[in-house]
């Protein structure tokens, strides 16, 4: 199974190189199902793996001047802060099992995998749905200008 994991990792790397995003959403299932890593630990590993590969990949773009640093800081700092707070406080605070329905108990690991699956479905839906037509706003209160009176 480990060989399939390495093949999956290579395919994930190729797809990320082609489309440029979605690393954690692909890394977690590979770590869990092909490398038999616990789901809670796999989410932490995926953050490290994707972060490190993104950092290495950004060096060439840094040299070419393709990075808009203000945008990187506006998105990067809150993202890092949110990930840190989630991993430090939220994930450890989750009970294990999360809940039980009769004889079926949903563990923390299974709950995280279900969350990732729902996130994947939502991301897929947002990519394949048709975009909404932009709304054209008219201001009914605006006074007619000279060009509209003529």
N, C-alpha and C. Protein backbone atom coordinates (compact mmCIF):
# COMPACT_ATOMS: atom_id res chain seq x y z
N UNK A 1 0.82 -1.19 0.00
CA UNK A 1 0.00 0.00 0.00
C UNK A 1 0.87 1.26 0.00
N UNK A 2 2.05 1.14 0.57
CA UNK A 2 2.94 2.29 0.63
C UNK A 2 3.37 2.75 -0.76
N UNK A 3 3.56 1.80 -1.67
CA UNK A 3 3.94 2.16 -3.04
C UNK A 3 2.81 2.97 -3.69
N UNK A 4 1.56 2.57 -3.46
CA UNK A 4 0.43 3.34 -3.96
C UNK A 4 0.42 4.74 -3.36
N UNK A 5 0.84 4.86 -2.13
CA UNK A 5 0.92 6.16 -1.48
C UNK A 5 1.91 7.08 -2.18
N UNK A 6 3.07 6.53 -2.54
CA UNK A 6 4.06 7.33 -3.25
C UNK A 6 3.58 7.70 -4.64
N UNK A 7 2.90 6.78 -5.31
CA UNK A 7 2.32 7.08 -6.62
C UNK A 7 1.26 8.17 -6.49
N UNK A 8 0.41 8.06 -5.44
CA UNK A 8 -0.59 9.09 -5.18
C UNK A 8 0.05 10.44 -4.89
N UNK A 9 1.14 10.44 -4.16
CA UNK A 9 1.83 11.69 -3.84
C UNK A 9 2.40 12.34 -5.10
N UNK A 10 2.94 11.53 -6.00
CA UNK A 10 3.47 12.06 -7.26
C UNK A 10 2.33 12.63 -8.11
N UNK A 11 1.22 11.90 -8.19
CA UNK A 11 0.06 12.38 -8.97
C UNK A 11 -0.50 13.67 -8.36
N UNK A 12 -0.53 13.73 -7.03
CA UNK A 12 -0.99 14.93 -6.36
C UNK A 12 -0.07 16.10 -6.69
N UNK A 13 1.22 15.87 -6.63
CA UNK A 13 2.19 16.92 -6.96
C UNK A 13 2.05 17.41 -8.39
N UNK A 14 1.82 16.47 -9.31
CA UNK A 14 1.62 16.87 -10.70
C UNK A 14 0.34 17.70 -10.87
N UNK A 15 -0.72 17.26 -10.22
CA UNK A 15 -1.98 18.01 -10.35
C UNK A 15 -1.86 19.39 -9.72
N UNK A 16 -1.16 19.48 -8.61
CA UNK A 16 -0.98 20.78 -7.98
C UNK A 16 -0.11 21.69 -8.84
N UNK A 17 0.87 21.11 -9.49
CA UNK A 17 1.70 21.90 -10.39
C UNK A 17 0.91 22.42 -11.58
N UNK A 18 -0.06 21.65 -12.03
CA UNK A 18 -0.86 22.06 -13.18
C UNK A 18 -1.97 23.04 -12.80
N UNK A 19 -2.66 22.80 -11.69
CA UNK A 19 -3.79 23.66 -11.34
C UNK A 19 -3.46 24.64 -10.22
N UNK A 20 -2.41 24.40 -9.47
CA UNK A 20 -1.92 25.37 -8.51
C UNK A 20 -2.64 25.50 -7.19
N UNK A 21 -3.40 24.53 -6.76
CA UNK A 21 -4.06 24.68 -5.46
C UNK A 21 -4.71 23.39 -5.01
N UNK A 22 -5.19 23.40 -3.77
CA UNK A 22 -5.92 22.26 -3.24
C UNK A 22 -5.05 21.18 -2.64
N UNK A 23 -3.87 21.52 -2.18
CA UNK A 23 -2.92 20.52 -1.70
C UNK A 23 -3.38 19.73 -0.50
N UNK A 24 -3.88 20.38 0.52
CA UNK A 24 -4.28 19.66 1.74
C UNK A 24 -5.45 18.74 1.49
N UNK A 25 -6.35 19.18 0.65
CA UNK A 25 -7.55 18.39 0.40
C UNK A 25 -7.19 17.08 -0.32
N UNK A 26 -6.07 17.06 -1.00
CA UNK A 26 -5.61 15.84 -1.66
C UNK A 26 -4.61 15.08 -0.80
N UNK A 27 -3.85 15.79 0.01
CA UNK A 27 -2.82 15.15 0.83
C UNK A 27 -3.41 14.31 1.95
N UNK A 28 -4.45 14.81 2.60
CA UNK A 28 -5.03 14.10 3.75
C UNK A 28 -5.52 12.70 3.37
N UNK A 29 -6.32 12.53 2.30
CA UNK A 29 -6.74 11.16 1.96
C UNK A 29 -5.57 10.23 1.60
N UNK A 30 -4.55 10.78 0.96
CA UNK A 30 -3.39 9.95 0.62
C UNK A 30 -2.70 9.48 1.90
N UNK A 31 -2.51 10.39 2.85
CA UNK A 31 -1.87 10.01 4.11
C UNK A 31 -2.72 9.02 4.90
N UNK A 32 -4.03 9.25 4.94
CA UNK A 32 -4.91 8.40 5.74
C UNK A 32 -5.09 7.02 5.11
N UNK A 33 -5.46 6.99 3.84
CA UNK A 33 -5.85 5.71 3.23
C UNK A 33 -4.69 4.94 2.62
N UNK A 34 -3.65 5.62 2.19
CA UNK A 34 -2.54 4.90 1.56
C UNK A 34 -1.33 4.74 2.47
N UNK A 35 -1.15 5.65 3.43
CA UNK A 35 -0.04 5.53 4.37
C UNK A 35 -0.50 5.17 5.78
N UNK A 36 -1.78 4.99 5.99
CA UNK A 36 -2.38 4.58 7.27
C UNK A 36 -2.02 5.51 8.44
N UNK A 37 -2.03 6.81 8.18
CA UNK A 37 -1.79 7.82 9.21
C UNK A 37 -3.14 8.22 9.79
N UNK A 38 -3.22 8.42 11.12
CA UNK A 38 -4.45 8.87 11.75
C UNK A 38 -4.89 10.20 11.13
N UNK A 39 -6.20 10.38 10.95
CA UNK A 39 -6.73 11.56 10.26
C UNK A 39 -6.36 12.87 10.96
N UNK A 40 -6.39 12.90 12.27
CA UNK A 40 -6.04 14.12 13.00
C UNK A 40 -4.58 14.47 12.76
N UNK A 41 -3.71 13.48 12.82
CA UNK A 41 -2.28 13.70 12.55
C UNK A 41 -2.03 14.01 11.08
N UNK A 42 -2.81 13.39 10.19
CA UNK A 42 -2.65 13.62 8.75
C UNK A 42 -2.95 15.07 8.38
N UNK A 43 -3.92 15.69 9.07
CA UNK A 43 -4.19 17.10 8.76
C UNK A 43 -3.00 17.98 9.13
N UNK A 44 -2.34 17.67 10.23
CA UNK A 44 -1.15 18.43 10.61
C UNK A 44 -0.01 18.17 9.63
N UNK A 45 0.20 16.92 9.26
CA UNK A 45 1.24 16.59 8.29
C UNK A 45 0.99 17.28 6.96
N UNK A 46 -0.28 17.31 6.53
CA UNK A 46 -0.59 17.92 5.23
C UNK A 46 -0.28 19.41 5.24
N UNK A 47 -0.51 20.08 6.36
CA UNK A 47 -0.17 21.49 6.45
C UNK A 47 1.34 21.70 6.27
N UNK A 48 2.11 20.83 6.90
CA UNK A 48 3.56 20.93 6.77
C UNK A 48 4.01 20.61 5.33
N UNK A 49 3.48 19.54 4.76
CA UNK A 49 3.87 19.11 3.41
C UNK A 49 3.52 20.18 2.38
N UNK A 50 2.29 20.64 2.40
CA UNK A 50 1.84 21.62 1.42
C UNK A 50 2.53 22.96 1.64
N UNK A 51 2.69 23.36 2.90
CA UNK A 51 3.38 24.62 3.19
C UNK A 51 4.82 24.61 2.72
N UNK A 52 5.52 23.51 2.98
CA UNK A 52 6.92 23.42 2.57
C UNK A 52 7.06 23.39 1.05
N UNK A 53 6.23 22.61 0.38
CA UNK A 53 6.33 22.56 -1.09
C UNK A 53 5.93 23.89 -1.71
N UNK A 54 4.97 24.59 -1.12
CA UNK A 54 4.59 25.91 -1.62
C UNK A 54 5.74 26.90 -1.43
N UNK A 55 6.40 26.82 -0.29
CA UNK A 55 7.53 27.71 -0.03
C UNK A 55 8.66 27.47 -1.04
N UNK A 56 8.98 26.22 -1.28
CA UNK A 56 10.03 25.89 -2.24
C UNK A 56 9.64 26.36 -3.64
N UNK A 57 8.36 26.14 -4.00
CA UNK A 57 7.90 26.56 -5.32
C UNK A 57 7.84 28.07 -5.50
N UNK A 58 7.74 28.79 -4.40
CA UNK A 58 7.63 30.25 -4.51
C UNK A 58 8.97 30.94 -4.73
N UNK A 59 10.09 30.25 -4.48
CA UNK A 59 11.39 30.89 -4.64
C UNK A 59 11.63 31.38 -6.06
N UNK A 60 11.28 30.59 -7.05
CA UNK A 60 11.49 31.03 -8.43
C UNK A 60 10.60 32.22 -8.77
N UNK A 61 9.38 32.21 -8.26
CA UNK A 61 8.49 33.35 -8.51
C UNK A 61 8.95 34.60 -7.76
N UNK A 62 9.59 34.40 -6.61
CA UNK A 62 10.15 35.52 -5.87
C UNK A 62 11.25 36.19 -6.69
N UNK A 63 12.12 35.38 -7.29
CA UNK A 63 13.21 35.91 -8.10
C UNK A 63 12.69 36.64 -9.33
N UNK A 64 11.56 36.16 -9.89
CA UNK A 64 10.99 36.79 -11.09
C UNK A 64 10.14 38.01 -10.75
N UNK A 65 9.89 38.25 -9.47
CA UNK A 65 9.09 39.40 -9.07
C UNK A 65 7.59 39.20 -9.24
N UNK A 66 7.15 37.95 -9.25
CA UNK A 66 5.73 37.65 -9.46
C UNK A 66 4.90 37.67 -8.18
N UNK A 67 5.49 37.97 -7.06
CA UNK A 67 4.76 37.93 -5.80
C UNK A 67 4.37 39.33 -5.38
N UNK A 68 3.08 39.53 -5.14
CA UNK A 68 2.58 40.80 -4.62
C UNK A 68 2.57 40.67 -3.10
N UNK A 69 3.57 41.27 -2.47
CA UNK A 69 3.82 41.03 -1.05
C UNK A 69 2.68 41.51 -0.15
N UNK A 70 2.05 42.61 -0.50
CA UNK A 70 0.95 43.10 0.33
C UNK A 70 -0.19 42.08 0.35
N UNK A 71 -0.53 41.54 -0.81
CA UNK A 71 -1.58 40.52 -0.88
C UNK A 71 -1.17 39.26 -0.14
N UNK A 72 0.09 38.87 -0.28
CA UNK A 72 0.58 37.69 0.43
C UNK A 72 0.46 37.86 1.93
N UNK A 73 0.77 39.04 2.43
CA UNK A 73 0.64 39.30 3.87
C UNK A 73 -0.82 39.37 4.32
N UNK A 74 -1.67 40.00 3.50
CA UNK A 74 -3.08 40.13 3.86
C UNK A 74 -3.75 38.76 3.95
N UNK A 75 -3.38 37.85 3.07
CA UNK A 75 -3.97 36.51 3.11
C UNK A 75 -3.15 35.55 3.98
N UNK A 76 -1.84 35.69 3.96
CA UNK A 76 -0.97 34.74 4.66
C UNK A 76 -1.00 34.82 6.16
N UNK A 77 -0.91 36.01 6.71
CA UNK A 77 -0.86 36.16 8.17
C UNK A 77 -2.15 35.66 8.83
N UNK A 78 -3.34 36.08 8.36
CA UNK A 78 -4.55 35.53 8.99
C UNK A 78 -4.69 34.02 8.80
N UNK A 79 -4.24 33.52 7.66
CA UNK A 79 -4.31 32.07 7.44
C UNK A 79 -3.43 31.31 8.41
N UNK A 80 -2.22 31.76 8.58
CA UNK A 80 -1.30 31.11 9.51
C UNK A 80 -1.83 31.20 10.94
N UNK A 81 -2.36 32.36 11.29
CA UNK A 81 -2.92 32.55 12.63
C UNK A 81 -4.12 31.62 12.85
N UNK A 82 -5.00 31.53 11.85
CA UNK A 82 -6.18 30.67 11.97
C UNK A 82 -5.79 29.20 12.08
N UNK A 83 -4.81 28.78 11.30
CA UNK A 83 -4.36 27.39 11.36
C UNK A 83 -3.73 27.10 12.72
N UNK A 84 -2.91 28.02 13.21
CA UNK A 84 -2.28 27.81 14.51
C UNK A 84 -3.32 27.70 15.61
N UNK A 85 -4.27 28.63 15.64
CA UNK A 85 -5.28 28.62 16.68
C UNK A 85 -6.17 27.37 16.59
N UNK A 86 -6.49 26.97 15.37
CA UNK A 86 -7.32 25.77 15.19
C UNK A 86 -6.59 24.54 15.68
N UNK A 87 -5.32 24.39 15.29
CA UNK A 87 -4.56 23.21 15.70
C UNK A 87 -4.22 23.23 17.19
N UNK A 88 -4.02 24.41 17.75
CA UNK A 88 -3.62 24.49 19.16
C UNK A 88 -4.80 24.39 20.11
N UNK A 89 -5.96 24.93 19.71
CA UNK A 89 -7.08 25.01 20.66
C UNK A 89 -8.33 24.25 20.23
N UNK A 90 -8.73 24.38 18.96
CA UNK A 90 -9.99 23.78 18.54
C UNK A 90 -9.91 22.26 18.41
N UNK A 91 -8.92 21.76 17.69
CA UNK A 91 -8.81 20.31 17.47
C UNK A 91 -8.62 19.55 18.79
N UNK A 92 -7.74 20.00 19.70
CA UNK A 92 -7.63 19.29 20.97
C UNK A 92 -8.89 19.36 21.83
N UNK A 93 -9.71 20.39 21.63
CA UNK A 93 -10.93 20.54 22.44
C UNK A 93 -12.08 19.67 21.95
N UNK A 94 -11.96 19.14 20.73
CA UNK A 94 -13.02 18.28 20.22
C UNK A 94 -13.06 16.97 21.01
N UNK A 95 -14.27 16.55 21.40
CA UNK A 95 -14.35 15.28 22.13
C UNK A 95 -14.13 14.10 21.19
N UNK A 96 -13.72 12.99 21.76
CA UNK A 96 -13.56 11.77 20.97
C UNK A 96 -14.30 10.65 21.69
N UNK A 97 -15.38 10.15 21.21
CA UNK A 97 -16.02 10.40 19.92
C UNK A 97 -16.78 11.73 19.91
N UNK A 98 -16.97 12.26 18.68
CA UNK A 98 -17.69 13.52 18.53
C UNK A 98 -19.14 13.38 18.97
N UNK A 99 -19.79 12.31 18.48
CA UNK A 99 -21.17 12.03 18.87
C UNK A 99 -21.49 10.58 18.56
N UNK A 100 -22.59 10.12 19.11
CA UNK A 100 -23.03 8.74 18.89
C UNK A 100 -24.48 8.74 18.44
N UNK A 101 -24.77 7.87 17.50
CA UNK A 101 -26.15 7.65 17.06
C UNK A 101 -26.41 6.17 17.26
N UNK A 102 -27.12 5.86 18.31
CA UNK A 102 -27.35 4.45 18.65
C UNK A 102 -26.03 3.78 18.98
N UNK A 103 -25.73 2.72 18.23
CA UNK A 103 -24.49 1.98 18.46
C UNK A 103 -23.33 2.51 17.62
N UNK A 104 -23.59 3.51 16.79
CA UNK A 104 -22.56 4.06 15.90
C UNK A 104 -21.96 5.31 16.54
N UNK A 105 -20.66 5.29 16.75
CA UNK A 105 -19.95 6.44 17.31
C UNK A 105 -19.08 7.06 16.23
N UNK A 106 -19.19 8.36 16.06
CA UNK A 106 -18.37 9.08 15.08
C UNK A 106 -17.16 9.66 15.82
N UNK A 107 -16.00 9.12 15.49
CA UNK A 107 -14.77 9.55 16.16
C UNK A 107 -14.30 10.90 15.61
N UNK A 108 -13.33 11.49 16.29
CA UNK A 108 -12.75 12.75 15.84
C UNK A 108 -12.12 12.58 14.47
N UNK A 109 -11.42 11.46 14.25
CA UNK A 109 -10.78 11.22 12.97
C UNK A 109 -11.81 11.10 11.85
N UNK A 110 -12.86 10.33 12.09
CA UNK A 110 -13.90 10.17 11.07
C UNK A 110 -14.61 11.50 10.83
N UNK A 111 -14.86 12.26 11.87
CA UNK A 111 -15.49 13.57 11.72
C UNK A 111 -14.66 14.51 10.85
N UNK A 112 -13.34 14.48 11.03
CA UNK A 112 -12.48 15.33 10.20
C UNK A 112 -12.49 14.87 8.76
N UNK A 113 -12.52 13.57 8.53
CA UNK A 113 -12.59 13.06 7.16
C UNK A 113 -13.91 13.42 6.51
N UNK A 114 -14.99 13.36 7.26
CA UNK A 114 -16.30 13.77 6.73
C UNK A 114 -16.28 15.26 6.38
N UNK A 115 -15.68 16.06 7.25
CA UNK A 115 -15.57 17.49 6.98
C UNK A 115 -14.77 17.73 5.70
N UNK A 116 -13.65 17.03 5.53
CA UNK A 116 -12.85 17.17 4.32
C UNK A 116 -13.64 16.73 3.09
N UNK A 117 -14.40 15.66 3.20
CA UNK A 117 -15.21 15.19 2.08
C UNK A 117 -16.25 16.23 1.69
N UNK A 118 -16.92 16.83 2.67
CA UNK A 118 -17.90 17.87 2.39
C UNK A 118 -17.23 19.09 1.76
N UNK A 119 -16.04 19.42 2.23
CA UNK A 119 -15.29 20.54 1.67
C UNK A 119 -14.91 20.26 0.22
N UNK A 120 -14.52 19.03 -0.08
CA UNK A 120 -14.20 18.66 -1.46
C UNK A 120 -15.41 18.78 -2.37
N UNK A 121 -16.56 18.31 -1.90
CA UNK A 121 -17.79 18.40 -2.69
C UNK A 121 -18.16 19.86 -2.94
N UNK A 122 -18.05 20.69 -1.92
CA UNK A 122 -18.36 22.12 -2.07
C UNK A 122 -17.40 22.79 -3.05
N UNK A 123 -16.12 22.45 -2.96
CA UNK A 123 -15.13 23.02 -3.88
C UNK A 123 -15.40 22.56 -5.31
N UNK A 124 -15.71 21.29 -5.48
CA UNK A 124 -16.01 20.77 -6.81
C UNK A 124 -17.25 21.45 -7.40
N UNK A 125 -18.27 21.60 -6.57
CA UNK A 125 -19.50 22.25 -7.04
C UNK A 125 -19.23 23.69 -7.46
N UNK A 126 -18.44 24.42 -6.66
CA UNK A 126 -18.17 25.81 -6.99
C UNK A 126 -17.35 25.93 -8.28
N UNK A 127 -16.58 24.90 -8.62
CA UNK A 127 -15.79 24.95 -9.85
C UNK A 127 -16.59 24.57 -11.08
N UNK A 128 -17.61 23.72 -10.93
CA UNK A 128 -18.33 23.26 -12.12
C UNK A 128 -19.64 24.01 -12.38
N UNK A 129 -20.13 24.76 -11.42
CA UNK A 129 -21.39 25.47 -11.64
C UNK A 129 -21.15 26.66 -12.56
N UNK A 130 -22.22 27.05 -13.25
CA UNK A 130 -22.12 28.20 -14.14
C UNK A 130 -22.07 29.47 -13.30
N UNK A 131 -21.22 30.41 -13.70
CA UNK A 131 -21.16 31.65 -12.95
C UNK A 131 -22.44 32.46 -13.15
N UNK A 132 -22.82 33.17 -12.11
CA UNK A 132 -24.00 34.02 -12.20
C UNK A 132 -23.67 35.24 -13.05
N UNK A 133 -24.67 35.70 -13.79
CA UNK A 133 -24.48 36.91 -14.59
C UNK A 133 -24.35 38.09 -13.63
N UNK A 134 -23.45 39.01 -13.94
CA UNK A 134 -23.29 40.15 -13.05
C UNK A 134 -24.55 41.02 -13.07
N UNK A 135 -24.91 41.51 -11.90
CA UNK A 135 -26.08 42.38 -11.79
C UNK A 135 -25.71 43.78 -12.25
N UNK A 136 -26.61 44.38 -13.03
CA UNK A 136 -26.42 45.76 -13.45
C UNK A 136 -27.31 46.60 -12.56
N UNK A 137 -26.70 47.45 -11.80
CA UNK A 137 -27.45 48.27 -10.86
C UNK A 137 -27.85 49.59 -11.51
N UNK A 138 -29.08 49.94 -11.28
CA UNK A 138 -29.54 51.26 -11.71
C UNK A 138 -29.94 52.02 -10.46
N UNK A 139 -29.57 53.23 -10.43
CA UNK A 139 -29.89 54.06 -9.29
C UNK A 139 -31.13 54.88 -9.62
N UNK A 140 -32.28 54.51 -9.06
CA UNK A 140 -33.54 55.17 -9.37
C UNK A 140 -33.58 56.58 -8.82
N UNK A 141 -32.81 56.88 -7.82
CA UNK A 141 -32.84 58.21 -7.20
C UNK A 141 -31.90 59.20 -7.88
N UNK A 142 -31.08 58.73 -8.77
CA UNK A 142 -30.10 59.64 -9.36
C UNK A 142 -30.79 60.64 -10.27
N UNK A 143 -30.27 61.83 -10.28
CA UNK A 143 -30.83 62.89 -11.12
C UNK A 143 -30.32 62.70 -12.53
N UNK A 144 -31.15 62.97 -13.50
CA UNK A 144 -30.68 62.84 -14.88
C UNK A 144 -29.58 63.86 -15.17
N UNK A 145 -28.58 63.38 -15.89
CA UNK A 145 -27.50 64.29 -16.27
C UNK A 145 -27.85 64.96 -17.58
N UNK A 146 -27.05 65.92 -17.97
CA UNK A 146 -27.28 66.63 -19.21
C UNK A 146 -27.30 65.70 -20.41
N UNK A 147 -26.45 64.66 -20.37
CA UNK A 147 -26.37 63.74 -21.52
C UNK A 147 -27.63 62.90 -21.64
N UNK A 148 -28.35 62.63 -20.56
CA UNK A 148 -29.58 61.83 -20.66
C UNK A 148 -30.79 62.67 -20.99
N UNK A 149 -30.73 63.99 -20.78
CA UNK A 149 -31.87 64.85 -21.08
C UNK A 149 -31.97 65.10 -22.58
N UNK A 150 -30.90 65.24 -23.25
CA UNK A 150 -30.90 65.56 -24.68
C UNK A 150 -31.48 64.45 -25.42
